[in-house]
Amino acid sequence: MTLPSPSPSPVDARLTQWGRTVEDIERGYPLTFDDYLNDLDLRRTLDEVELTAEQVGRLSAFDDRFRQASYPAGRCVWGDENAQAEGWTAESQWYYWRLPTTPGPAFLED
């Protein structure tokens, strides 16, 4: 009898999803601007949990790729009022200050 594989931890599942988002951004982000904001919110949740050394390594690699596939937006993509209300800074929540280098048509329509 074969035992089922254990499910990934919630943190590992979020890391995997962030990795998929980074792949989408590298290829040309296919979703809307609102979807992009949701994907960045997923990234923020990874700052709010304790990560193992292996998870930190994965996150760092994904973040490096994200930086390469995006550019500085010049301001918080959620808006200055939201950044101030939430206490986000360009140093700590840096990903909220970046946009995909190659946005798709749905993103550009928003």
PDB file of N, CA and C in Angstrom:
ATOM      1  N   MET A   1       0.834  -1.161   0.000  1.00  0.00           N
ATOM      2  CA  MET A   1       0.000   0.000   0.000  1.00  0.00           C
ATOM      3  C   MET A   1       0.895   1.246   0.000  1.00  0.00           C
ATOM      4  N   THR A   2       0.574   2.186  -0.864  1.00  0.00           N
ATOM      5  CA  THR A   2       1.330   3.419  -0.966  1.00  0.00           C
ATOM      6  C   THR A   2       0.639   4.504  -0.164  1.00  0.00           C
ATOM      7  N   LEU A   3       1.409   5.151   0.660  1.00  0.00           N
ATOM      8  CA  LEU A   3       0.860   6.251   1.444  1.00  0.00           C
ATOM      9  C   LEU A   3       0.808   7.511   0.583  1.00  0.00           C
ATOM     10  N   PRO A   4      -0.207   8.317   0.776  1.00  0.00           N
ATOM     11  CA  PRO A   4      -0.275   9.554  -0.004  1.00  0.00           C
ATOM     12  C   PRO A   4       0.855  10.507   0.381  1.00  0.00           C
ATOM     13  N   SER A   5       1.285  11.297  -0.579  1.00  0.00           N
ATOM     14  CA  SER A   5       2.312  12.299  -0.312  1.00  0.00           C
ATOM     15  C   SER A   5       1.734  13.365   0.601  1.00  0.00           C
ATOM     16  N   PRO A   6       2.549  13.840   1.515  1.00  0.00           N
ATOM     17  CA  PRO A   6       2.041  14.910   2.374  1.00  0.00           C
ATOM     18  C   PRO A   6       1.783  16.167   1.548  1.00  0.00           C
ATOM     19  N   SER A   7       0.763  16.909   1.931  1.00  0.00           N
ATOM     20  CA  SER A   7       0.475  18.172   1.238  1.00  0.00           C
ATOM     21  C   SER A   7       1.558  19.169   1.591  1.00  0.00           C
ATOM     22  N   PRO A   8       1.828  20.088   0.656  1.00  0.00           N
ATOM     23  CA  PRO A   8       2.807  21.119   0.999  1.00  0.00           C
ATOM     24  C   PRO A   8       2.252  22.005   2.106  1.00  0.00           C
ATOM     25  N   SER A   9       3.148  22.561   2.873  1.00  0.00           N
ATOM     26  CA  SER A   9       2.716  23.489   3.919  1.00  0.00           C
ATOM     27  C   SER A   9       2.084  24.707   3.255  1.00  0.00           C
ATOM     28  N   PRO A  10       1.261  25.438   4.001  1.00  0.00           N
ATOM     29  CA  PRO A  10       0.684  26.662   3.427  1.00  0.00           C
ATOM     30  C   PRO A  10       1.759  27.645   2.945  1.00  0.00           C
ATOM     31  N   VAL A  11       2.858  27.727   3.663  1.00  0.00           N
ATOM     32  CA  VAL A  11       3.933  28.632   3.253  1.00  0.00           C
ATOM     33  C   VAL A  11       4.566  28.133   1.953  1.00  0.00           C
ATOM     34  N   ASP A  12       4.813  26.834   1.851  1.00  0.00           N
ATOM     35  CA  ASP A  12       5.377  26.284   0.615  1.00  0.00           C
ATOM     36  C   ASP A  12       4.426  26.505  -0.556  1.00  0.00           C
ATOM     37  N   ALA A  13       3.127  26.373  -0.310  1.00  0.00           N
ATOM     38  CA  ALA A  13       2.143  26.606  -1.369  1.00  0.00           C
ATOM     39  C   ALA A  13       2.185  28.063  -1.830  1.00  0.00           C
ATOM     40  N   ARG A  14       2.322  28.992  -0.894  1.00  0.00           N
ATOM     41  CA  ARG A  14       2.419  30.411  -1.263  1.00  0.00           C
ATOM     42  C   ARG A  14       3.707  30.695  -2.027  1.00  0.00           C
ATOM     43  N   LEU A  15       4.797  30.080  -1.597  1.00  0.00           N
ATOM     44  CA  LEU A  15       6.060  30.237  -2.314  1.00  0.00           C
ATOM     45  C   LEU A  15       5.942  29.735  -3.747  1.00  0.00           C
ATOM     46  N   THR A  16       5.318  28.590  -3.917  1.00  0.00           N
ATOM     47  CA  THR A  16       5.127  28.026  -5.248  1.00  0.00           C
ATOM     48  C   THR A  16       4.283  28.970  -6.100  1.00  0.00           C
ATOM     49  N   GLN A  17       3.235  29.524  -5.518  1.00  0.00           N
ATOM     50  CA  GLN A  17       2.386  30.466  -6.259  1.00  0.00           C
ATOM     51  C   GLN A  17       3.169  31.726  -6.630  1.00  0.00           C
ATOM     52  N   TRP A  18       3.992  32.238  -5.737  1.00  0.00           N
ATOM     53  CA  TRP A  18       4.815  33.398  -6.048  1.00  0.00           C
ATOM     54  C   TRP A  18       5.765  33.063  -7.200  1.00  0.00           C
ATOM     55  N   GLY A  19       6.320  31.870  -7.183  1.00  0.00           N
ATOM     56  CA  GLY A  19       7.184  31.434  -8.283  1.00  0.00           C
ATOM     57  C   GLY A  19       6.442  31.400  -9.611  1.00  0.00           C
ATOM     58  N   ARG A  20       5.197  30.942  -9.599  1.00  0.00           N
ATOM     59  CA  ARG A  20       4.383  30.941 -10.829  1.00  0.00           C
ATOM     60  C   ARG A  20       4.114  32.371 -11.301  1.00  0.00           C
ATOM     61  N   THR A  21       3.848  33.253 -10.359  1.00  0.00           N
ATOM     62  CA  THR A  21       3.624  34.662 -10.709  1.00  0.00           C
ATOM     63  C   THR A  21       4.875  35.245 -11.357  1.00  0.00           C
ATOM     64  N   VAL A  22       6.027  34.966 -10.785  1.00  0.00           N
ATOM     65  CA  VAL A  22       7.282  35.464 -11.345  1.00  0.00           C
ATOM     66  C   VAL A  22       7.464  34.924 -12.766  1.00  0.00           C
ATOM     67  N   GLU A  23       7.157  33.654 -12.986  1.00  0.00           N
ATOM     68  CA  GLU A  23       7.248  33.091 -14.342  1.00  0.00           C
ATOM     69  C   GLU A  23       6.324  33.841 -15.299  1.00  0.00           C
ATOM     70  N   ASP A  24       5.101  34.138 -14.842  1.00  0.00           N
ATOM     71  CA  ASP A  24       4.163  34.901 -15.676  1.00  0.00           C
ATOM     72  C   ASP A  24       4.731  36.275 -16.025  1.00  0.00           C
ATOM     73  N   ILE A  25       5.331  36.921 -15.042  1.00  0.00           N
ATOM     74  CA  ILE A  25       5.897  38.252 -15.262  1.00  0.00           C
ATOM     75  C   ILE A  25       7.074  38.171 -16.233  1.00  0.00           C
ATOM     76  N   GLU A  26       7.877  37.138 -16.114  1.00  0.00           N
ATOM     77  CA  GLU A  26       9.011  36.964 -17.023  1.00  0.00           C
ATOM     78  C   GLU A  26       8.548  36.764 -18.471  1.00  0.00           C
ATOM     79  N   ARG A  27       7.467  36.025 -18.656  1.00  0.00           N
ATOM     80  CA  ARG A  27       6.958  35.726 -20.003  1.00  0.00           C
ATOM     81  C   ARG A  27       6.149  36.878 -20.588  1.00  0.00           C
ATOM     82  N   GLY A  28       5.642  37.733 -19.750  1.00  0.00           N
ATOM     83  CA  GLY A  28       4.731  38.803 -20.165  1.00  0.00           C
ATOM     84  C   GLY A  28       3.457  38.619 -19.370  1.00  0.00           C
ATOM     85  N   TYR A  29       3.254  39.462 -18.389  1.00  0.00           N
ATOM     86  CA  TYR A  29       2.166  39.272 -17.426  1.00  0.00           C
ATOM     87  C   TYR A  29       0.822  39.247 -18.152  1.00  0.00           C
ATOM     88  N   PRO A  30       0.092  38.109 -18.101  1.00  0.00           N
ATOM     89  CA  PRO A  30      -1.115  37.943 -18.913  1.00  0.00           C
ATOM     90  C   PRO A  30      -2.410  38.447 -18.259  1.00  0.00           C
ATOM     91  N   LEU A  31      -2.343  38.786 -16.983  1.00  0.00           N
ATOM     92  CA  LEU A  31      -3.571  39.105 -16.254  1.00  0.00           C
ATOM     93  C   LEU A  31      -3.756  40.616 -16.115  1.00  0.00           C
ATOM     94  N   THR A  32      -4.801  41.002 -15.397  1.00  0.00           N
ATOM     95  CA  THR A  32      -5.134  42.416 -15.230  1.00  0.00           C
ATOM     96  C   THR A  32      -4.275  43.066 -14.144  1.00  0.00           C
ATOM     97  N   PHE A  33      -4.353  44.384 -14.082  1.00  0.00           N
ATOM     98  CA  PHE A  33      -3.661  45.139 -13.040  1.00  0.00           C
ATOM     99  C   PHE A  33      -4.175  44.719 -11.662  1.00  0.00           C
ATOM    100  N   ASP A  34      -5.496  44.512 -11.523  1.00  0.00           N
ATOM    101  CA  ASP A  34      -6.045  44.059 -10.232  1.00  0.00           C
ATOM    102  C   ASP A  34      -5.484  42.700  -9.833  1.00  0.00           C
ATOM    103  N   ASP A  35      -5.321  41.807 -10.803  1.00  0.00           N
ATOM    104  CA  ASP A  35      -4.702  40.509 -10.515  1.00  0.00           C
ATOM    105  C   ASP A  35      -3.258  40.696 -10.047  1.00  0.00           C
ATOM    106  N   TYR A  36      -2.563  41.621 -10.678  1.00  0.00           N
ATOM    107  CA  TYR A  36      -1.182  41.916 -10.297  1.00  0.00           C
ATOM    108  C   TYR A  36      -1.111  42.394  -8.847  1.00  0.00           C
ATOM    109  N   LEU A  37      -2.025  43.290  -8.476  1.00  0.00           N
ATOM    110  CA  LEU A  37      -2.057  43.752  -7.088  1.00  0.00           C
ATOM    111  C   LEU A  37      -2.283  42.583  -6.134  1.00  0.00           C
ATOM    112  N   ASN A  38      -3.178  41.682  -6.488  1.00  0.00           N
ATOM    113  CA  ASN A  38      -3.423  40.497  -5.656  1.00  0.00           C
ATOM    114  C   ASN A  38      -2.171  39.632  -5.555  1.00  0.00           C
ATOM    115  N   ASP A  39      -1.447  39.495  -6.669  1.00  0.00           N
ATOM    116  CA  ASP A  39      -0.211  38.704  -6.646  1.00  0.00           C
ATOM    117  C   ASP A  39       0.836  39.353  -5.748  1.00  0.00           C
ATOM    118  N   LEU A  40       0.901  40.684  -5.764  1.00  0.00           N
ATOM    119  CA  LEU A  40       1.837  41.369  -4.867  1.00  0.00           C
ATOM    120  C   LEU A  40       1.414  41.214  -3.405  1.00  0.00           C
ATOM    121  N   ASP A  41       0.115  41.185  -3.159  1.00  0.00           N
ATOM    122  CA  ASP A  41      -0.364  40.931  -1.795  1.00  0.00           C
ATOM    123  C   ASP A  41       0.056  39.541  -1.324  1.00  0.00           C
ATOM    124  N   LEU A  42       0.017  38.569  -2.230  1.00  0.00           N
ATOM    125  CA  LEU A  42       0.505  37.223  -1.895  1.00  0.00           C
ATOM    126  C   LEU A  42       1.970  37.305  -1.489  1.00  0.00           C
ATOM    127  N   ARG A  43       2.755  38.079  -2.226  1.00  0.00           N
ATOM    128  CA  ARG A  43       4.177  38.221  -1.888  1.00  0.00           C
ATOM    129  C   ARG A  43       4.338  38.814  -0.496  1.00  0.00           C
ATOM    130  N   ARG A  44       3.496  39.820  -0.173  1.00  0.00           N
ATOM    131  CA  ARG A  44       3.583  40.447   1.154  1.00  0.00           C
ATOM    132  C   ARG A  44       3.340  39.428   2.262  1.00  0.00           C
ATOM    133  N   THR A  45       2.428  38.483   2.039  1.00  0.00           N
ATOM    134  CA  THR A  45       2.145  37.495   3.086  1.00  0.00           C
ATOM    135  C   THR A  45       3.384  36.674   3.419  1.00  0.00           C
ATOM    136  N   LEU A  46       4.304  36.565   2.484  1.00  0.00           N
ATOM    137  CA  LEU A  46       5.534  35.818   2.750  1.00  0.00           C
ATOM    138  C   LEU A  46       6.466  36.581   3.678  1.00  0.00           C
ATOM    139  N   ASP A  47       6.281  37.889   3.788  1.00  0.00           N
ATOM    140  CA  ASP A  47       7.046  38.690   4.744  1.00  0.00           C
ATOM    141  C   ASP A  47       6.483  38.557   6.155  1.00  0.00           C
ATOM    142  N   GLU A  48       5.279  38.051   6.256  1.00  0.00           N
ATOM    143  CA  GLU A  48       4.575  38.029   7.540  1.00  0.00           C
ATOM    144  C   GLU A  48       4.646  36.686   8.252  1.00  0.00           C
ATOM    145  N   VAL A  49       5.377  35.742   7.691  1.00  0.00           N
ATOM    146  CA  VAL A  49       5.493  34.417   8.302  1.00  0.00           C
ATOM    147  C   VAL A  49       6.962  34.078   8.505  1.00  0.00           C
ATOM    148  N   GLU A  50       7.195  33.169   9.406  1.00  0.00           N
ATOM    149  CA  GLU A  50       8.560  32.694   9.628  1.00  0.00           C
ATOM    150  C   GLU A  50       8.903  31.673   8.558  1.00  0.00           C
ATOM    151  N   LEU A  51      10.042  31.867   7.916  1.00  0.00           N
ATOM    152  CA  LEU A  51      10.478  30.985   6.842  1.00  0.00           C
ATOM    153  C   LEU A  51      11.679  30.154   7.282  1.00  0.00           C
ATOM    154  N   THR A  52      11.748  28.942   6.774  1.00  0.00           N
ATOM    155  CA  THR A  52      12.929  28.113   7.001  1.00  0.00           C
ATOM    156  C   THR A  52      14.055  28.637   6.106  1.00  0.00           C
ATOM    157  N   ALA A  53      15.261  28.184   6.341  1.00  0.00           N
ATOM    158  CA  ALA A  53      16.403  28.601   5.521  1.00  0.00           C
ATOM    159  C   ALA A  53      16.169  28.226   4.057  1.00  0.00           C
ATOM    160  N   GLU A  54      15.608  27.058   3.811  1.00  0.00           N
ATOM    161  CA  GLU A  54      15.331  26.618   2.439  1.00  0.00           C
ATOM    162  C   GLU A  54      14.295  27.530   1.795  1.00  0.00           C
ATOM    163  N   GLN A  55      13.267  27.898   2.549  1.00  0.00           N
ATOM    164  CA  GLN A  55      12.223  28.783   2.023  1.00  0.00           C
ATOM    165  C   GLN A  55      12.776  30.180   1.742  1.00  0.00           C
ATOM    166  N   VAL A  56      13.647  30.668   2.614  1.00  0.00           N
ATOM    167  CA  VAL A  56      14.286  31.969   2.395  1.00  0.00           C
ATOM    168  C   VAL A  56      15.085  31.933   1.092  1.00  0.00           C
ATOM    169  N   GLY A  57      15.784  30.844   0.850  1.00  0.00           N
ATOM    170  CA  GLY A  57      16.556  30.697  -0.383  1.00  0.00           C
ATOM    171  C   GLY A  57      15.673  30.718  -1.620  1.00  0.00           C
ATOM    172  N   ARG A  58      14.568  29.994  -1.565  1.00  0.00           N
ATOM    173  CA  ARG A  58      13.624  29.989  -2.695  1.00  0.00           C
ATOM    174  C   ARG A  58      13.044  31.374  -2.923  1.00  0.00           C
ATOM    175  N   LEU A  59      12.620  32.034  -1.830  1.00  0.00           N
ATOM    176  CA  LEU A  59      12.029  33.362  -1.946  1.00  0.00           C
ATOM    177  C   LEU A  59      13.034  34.346  -2.533  1.00  0.00           C
ATOM    178  N   SER A  60      14.248  34.293  -2.066  1.00  0.00           N
ATOM    179  CA  SER A  60      15.290  35.190  -2.560  1.00  0.00           C
ATOM    180  C   SER A  60      15.513  34.994  -4.067  1.00  0.00           C
ATOM    181  N   ALA A  61      15.533  33.749  -4.510  1.00  0.00           N
ATOM    182  CA  ALA A  61      15.717  33.465  -5.933  1.00  0.00           C
ATOM    183  C   ALA A  61      14.534  33.991  -6.754  1.00  0.00           C
ATOM    184  N   PHE A  62      13.318  33.773  -6.268  1.00  0.00           N
ATOM    185  CA  PHE A  62      12.137  34.301  -6.965  1.00  0.00           C
ATOM    186  C   PHE A  62      12.166  35.827  -7.003  1.00  0.00           C
ATOM    187  N   ASP A  63      12.528  36.441  -5.885  1.00  0.00           N
ATOM    188  CA  ASP A  63      12.564  37.897  -5.812  1.00  0.00           C
ATOM    189  C   ASP A  63      13.610  38.480  -6.777  1.00  0.00           C
ATOM    190  N   ASP A  64      14.751  37.831  -6.881  1.00  0.00           N
ATOM    191  CA  ASP A  64      15.778  38.290  -7.824  1.00  0.00           C
ATOM    192  C   ASP A  64      15.239  38.258  -9.251  1.00  0.00           C
ATOM    193  N   ARG A  65      14.558  37.175  -9.589  1.00  0.00           N
ATOM    194  CA  ARG A  65      13.976  37.062 -10.925  1.00  0.00           C
ATOM    195  C   ARG A  65      12.886  38.116 -11.133  1.00  0.00           C
ATOM    196  N   PHE A  66      12.080  38.373 -10.091  1.00  0.00           N
ATOM    197  CA  PHE A  66      11.041  39.397 -10.185  1.00  0.00           C
ATOM    198  C   PHE A  66      11.659  40.761 -10.458  1.00  0.00           C
ATOM    199  N   ARG A  67      12.735  41.077  -9.748  1.00  0.00           N
ATOM    200  CA  ARG A  67      13.407  42.366  -9.952  1.00  0.00           C
ATOM    201  C   ARG A  67      13.890  42.502 -11.398  1.00  0.00           C
ATOM    202  N   GLN A  68      14.398  41.416 -11.951  1.00  0.00           N
ATOM    203  CA  GLN A  68      14.913  41.453 -13.322  1.00  0.00           C
ATOM    204  C   GLN A  68      13.794  41.615 -14.346  1.00  0.00           C
ATOM    205  N   ALA A  69      12.593  41.144 -14.033  1.00  0.00           N
ATOM    206  CA  ALA A  69      11.468  41.177 -14.972  1.00  0.00           C
ATOM    207  C   ALA A  69      10.519  42.346 -14.709  1.00  0.00           C
ATOM    208  N   SER A  70      10.933  43.258 -13.843  1.00  0.00           N
ATOM    209  CA  SER A  70      10.085  44.402 -13.506  1.00  0.00           C
ATOM    210  C   SER A  70      10.959  45.646 -13.414  1.00  0.00           C
ATOM    211  N   TYR A  71      10.299  46.784 -13.278  1.00  0.00           N
ATOM    212  CA  TYR A  71      11.046  48.041 -13.180  1.00  0.00           C
ATOM    213  C   TYR A  71      10.425  48.908 -12.088  1.00  0.00           C
ATOM    214  N   PRO A  72      11.198  49.852 -11.541  1.00  0.00           N
ATOM    215  CA  PRO A  72      10.677  50.725 -10.495  1.00  0.00           C
ATOM    216  C   PRO A  72       9.513  51.570 -11.025  1.00  0.00           C
ATOM    217  N   ALA A  73       8.416  51.569 -10.294  1.00  0.00           N
ATOM    218  CA  ALA A  73       7.215  52.292 -10.705  1.00  0.00           C
ATOM    219  C   ALA A  73       7.280  53.773 -10.336  1.00  0.00           C
ATOM    220  N   GLY A  74       8.164  54.146  -9.418  1.00  0.00           N
ATOM    221  CA  GLY A  74       8.250  55.528  -8.989  1.00  0.00           C
ATOM    222  C   GLY A  74       7.318  55.874  -7.839  1.00  0.00           C
ATOM    223  N   ARG A  75       6.354  55.004  -7.598  1.00  0.00           N
ATOM    224  CA  ARG A  75       5.422  55.184  -6.481  1.00  0.00           C
ATOM    225  C   ARG A  75       4.784  53.829  -6.196  1.00  0.00           C
ATOM    226  N   CYS A  76       4.104  53.736  -5.088  1.00  0.00           N
ATOM    227  CA  CYS A  76       3.438  52.488  -4.710  1.00  0.00           C
ATOM    228  C   CYS A  76       2.310  52.189  -5.702  1.00  0.00           C
ATOM    229  N   VAL A  77       2.286  50.980  -6.231  1.00  0.00           N
ATOM    230  CA  VAL A  77       1.254  50.628  -7.209  1.00  0.00           C
ATOM    231  C   VAL A  77      -0.136  50.575  -6.587  1.00  0.00           C
ATOM    232  N   TRP A  78      -0.223  50.443  -5.281  1.00  0.00           N
ATOM    233  CA  TRP A  78      -1.504  50.476  -4.573  1.00  0.00           C
ATOM    234  C   TRP A  78      -1.942  51.917  -4.288  1.00  0.00           C
ATOM    235  N   GLY A  79      -1.059  52.876  -4.543  1.00  0.00           N
ATOM    236  CA  GLY A  79      -1.358  54.283  -4.287  1.00  0.00           C
ATOM    237  C   GLY A  79      -0.710  54.751  -3.000  1.00  0.00           C
ATOM    238  N   ASP A  80      -0.374  56.015  -2.987  1.00  0.00           N
ATOM    239  CA  ASP A  80       0.315  56.596  -1.835  1.00  0.00           C
ATOM    240  C   ASP A  80      -0.532  56.536  -0.559  1.00  0.00           C
ATOM    241  N   GLU A  81      -1.827  56.769  -0.683  1.00  0.00           N
ATOM    242  CA  GLU A  81      -2.698  56.739   0.503  1.00  0.00           C
ATOM    243  C   GLU A  81      -2.716  55.353   1.135  1.00  0.00           C
ATOM    244  N   ASN A  82      -2.819  54.313   0.303  1.00  0.00           N
ATOM    245  CA  ASN A  82      -2.809  52.948   0.839  1.00  0.00           C
ATOM    246  C   ASN A  82      -1.468  52.613   1.477  1.00  0.00           C
ATOM    247  N   ALA A  83      -0.388  53.026   0.833  1.00  0.00           N
ATOM    248  CA  ALA A  83       0.941  52.761   1.390  1.00  0.00           C
ATOM    249  C   ALA A  83       1.081  53.400   2.760  1.00  0.00           C
ATOM    250  N   GLN A  84       0.635  54.632   2.863  1.00  0.00           N
ATOM    251  CA  GLN A  84       0.731  55.329   4.150  1.00  0.00           C
ATOM    252  C   GLN A  84      -0.168  54.675   5.194  1.00  0.00           C
ATOM    253  N   ALA A  85      -1.388  54.347   4.817  1.00  0.00           N
ATOM    254  CA  ALA A  85      -2.336  53.735   5.760  1.00  0.00           C
ATOM    255  C   ALA A  85      -1.841  52.381   6.260  1.00  0.00           C
ATOM    256  N   GLU A  86      -1.194  51.625   5.369  1.00  0.00           N
ATOM    257  CA  GLU A  86      -0.715  50.287   5.725  1.00  0.00           C
ATOM    258  C   GLU A  86       0.684  50.296   6.333  1.00  0.00           C
ATOM    259  N   GLY A  87       1.383  51.424   6.222  1.00  0.00           N
ATOM    260  CA  GLY A  87       2.747  51.504   6.735  1.00  0.00           C
ATOM    261  C   GLY A  87       3.770  50.862   5.819  1.00  0.00           C
ATOM    262  N   TRP A  88       3.442  50.730   4.545  1.00  0.00           N
ATOM    263  CA  TRP A  88       4.371  50.142   3.576  1.00  0.00           C
ATOM    264  C   TRP A  88       5.412  51.165   3.176  1.00  0.00           C
ATOM    265  N   THR A  89       6.638  50.683   2.985  1.00  0.00           N
ATOM    266  CA  THR A  89       7.709  51.544   2.509  1.00  0.00           C
ATOM    267  C   THR A  89       8.375  50.907   1.289  1.00  0.00           C
ATOM    268  N   ALA A  90       9.005  51.749   0.498  1.00  0.00           N
ATOM    269  CA  ALA A  90       9.695  51.254  -0.696  1.00  0.00           C
ATOM    270  C   ALA A  90      10.878  50.359  -0.329  1.00  0.00           C
ATOM    271  N   GLU A  91      11.361  50.471   0.897  1.00  0.00           N
ATOM    272  CA  GLU A  91      12.466  49.623   1.341  1.00  0.00           C
ATOM    273  C   GLU A  91      11.957  48.272   1.833  1.00  0.00           C
ATOM    274  N   SER A  92      10.906  48.275   2.624  1.00  0.00           N
ATOM    275  CA  SER A  92      10.420  47.021   3.223  1.00  0.00           C
ATOM    276  C   SER A  92       9.493  46.237   2.297  1.00  0.00           C
ATOM    277  N   GLN A  93       8.559  46.919   1.667  1.00  0.00           N
ATOM    278  CA  GLN A  93       7.617  46.266   0.755  1.00  0.00           C
ATOM    279  C   GLN A  93       7.945  46.727  -0.672  1.00  0.00           C
ATOM    280  N   TRP A  94       9.185  46.586  -1.039  1.00  0.00           N
ATOM    281  CA  TRP A  94       9.746  47.063  -2.302  1.00  0.00           C
ATOM    282  C   TRP A  94       8.962  46.592  -3.518  1.00  0.00           C
ATOM    283  N   TYR A  95       8.372  45.397  -3.453  1.00  0.00           N
ATOM    284  CA  TYR A  95       7.652  44.812  -4.595  1.00  0.00           C
ATOM    285  C   TYR A  95       6.434  45.641  -4.971  1.00  0.00           C
ATOM    286  N   TYR A  96       5.873  46.407  -4.005  1.00  0.00           N
ATOM    287  CA  TYR A  96       4.736  47.284  -4.302  1.00  0.00           C
ATOM    288  C   TYR A  96       5.166  48.518  -5.104  1.00  0.00           C
ATOM    289  N   TRP A  97       6.441  48.696  -5.305  1.00  0.00           N
ATOM    290  CA  TRP A  97       6.974  49.832  -6.055  1.00  0.00           C
ATOM    291  C   TRP A  97       7.540  49.391  -7.406  1.00  0.00           C
ATOM    292  N   ARG A  98       7.049  48.250  -7.923  1.00  0.00           N
ATOM    293  CA  ARG A  98       7.564  47.739  -9.197  1.00  0.00           C
ATOM    294  C   ARG A  98       6.411  47.341 -10.115  1.00  0.00           C
ATOM    295  N   LEU A  99       6.664  47.434 -11.416  1.00  0.00           N
ATOM    296  CA  LEU A  99       5.701  47.043 -12.439  1.00  0.00           C
ATOM    297  C   LEU A  99       6.366  46.076 -13.407  1.00  0.00           C
ATOM    298  N   PRO A 100       5.588  45.196 -14.021  1.00  0.00           N
ATOM    299  CA  PRO A 100       6.175  44.248 -14.974  1.00  0.00           C
ATOM    300  C   PRO A 100       6.733  44.960 -16.205  1.00  0.00           C
ATOM    301  N   THR A 101       7.898  44.545 -16.639  1.00  0.00           N
ATOM    302  CA  THR A 101       8.517  45.106 -17.824  1.00  0.00           C
ATOM    303  C   THR A 101       7.672  44.823 -19.064  1.00  0.00           C
ATOM    304  N   THR A 102       7.057  43.639 -19.098  1.00  0.00           N
ATOM    305  CA  THR A 102       6.253  43.247 -20.249  1.00  0.00           C
ATOM    306  C   THR A 102       4.826  42.931 -19.799  1.00  0.00           C
ATOM    307  N   PRO A 103       4.000  43.970 -19.659  1.00  0.00           N
ATOM    308  CA  PRO A 103       2.599  43.709 -19.301  1.00  0.00           C
ATOM    309  C   PRO A 103       1.818  43.267 -20.535  1.00  0.00           C
ATOM    310  N   GLY A 104       0.834  42.409 -20.304  1.00  0.00           N
ATOM    311  CA  GLY A 104      -0.006  41.961 -21.398  1.00  0.00           C
ATOM    312  C   GLY A 104      -1.149  42.932 -21.660  1.00  0.00           C
ATOM    313  N   PRO A 105      -1.955  42.646 -22.690  1.00  0.00           N
ATOM    314  CA  PRO A 105      -3.063  43.534 -23.062  1.00  0.00           C
ATOM    315  C   PRO A 105      -4.078  43.771 -21.926  1.00  0.00           C
ATOM    316  N   ALA A 106      -4.412  42.737 -21.170  1.00  0.00           N
ATOM    317  CA  ALA A 106      -5.387  42.895 -20.083  1.00  0.00           C
ATOM    318  C   ALA A 106      -4.862  43.871 -19.029  1.00  0.00           C
ATOM    319  N   PHE A 107      -3.577  43.790 -18.740  1.00  0.00           N
ATOM    320  CA  PHE A 107      -2.947  44.689 -17.763  1.00  0.00           C
ATOM    321  C   PHE A 107      -2.998  46.127 -18.276  1.00  0.00           C
ATOM    322  N   LEU A 108      -2.667  46.307 -19.540  1.00  0.00           N
ATOM    323  CA  LEU A 108      -2.616  47.649 -20.113  1.00  0.00           C
ATOM    324  C   LEU A 108      -3.985  48.286 -20.235  1.00  0.00           C
ATOM    325  N   GLU A 109      -5.023  47.465 -20.373  1.00  0.00           N
ATOM    326  CA  GLU A 109      -6.382  47.999 -20.460  1.00  0.00           C
ATOM    327  C   GLU A 109      -6.852  48.587 -19.140  1.00  0.00           C
ATOM    328  N   ASP A 110      -6.321  48.079 -18.016  1.00  0.00           N
ATOM    329  CA  ASP A 110      -6.721  48.579 -16.693  1.00  0.00           C
ATOM    330  C   ASP A 110      -6.136  49.903 -16.471  1.00  0.00           C
TER     331      ASP A 110
END
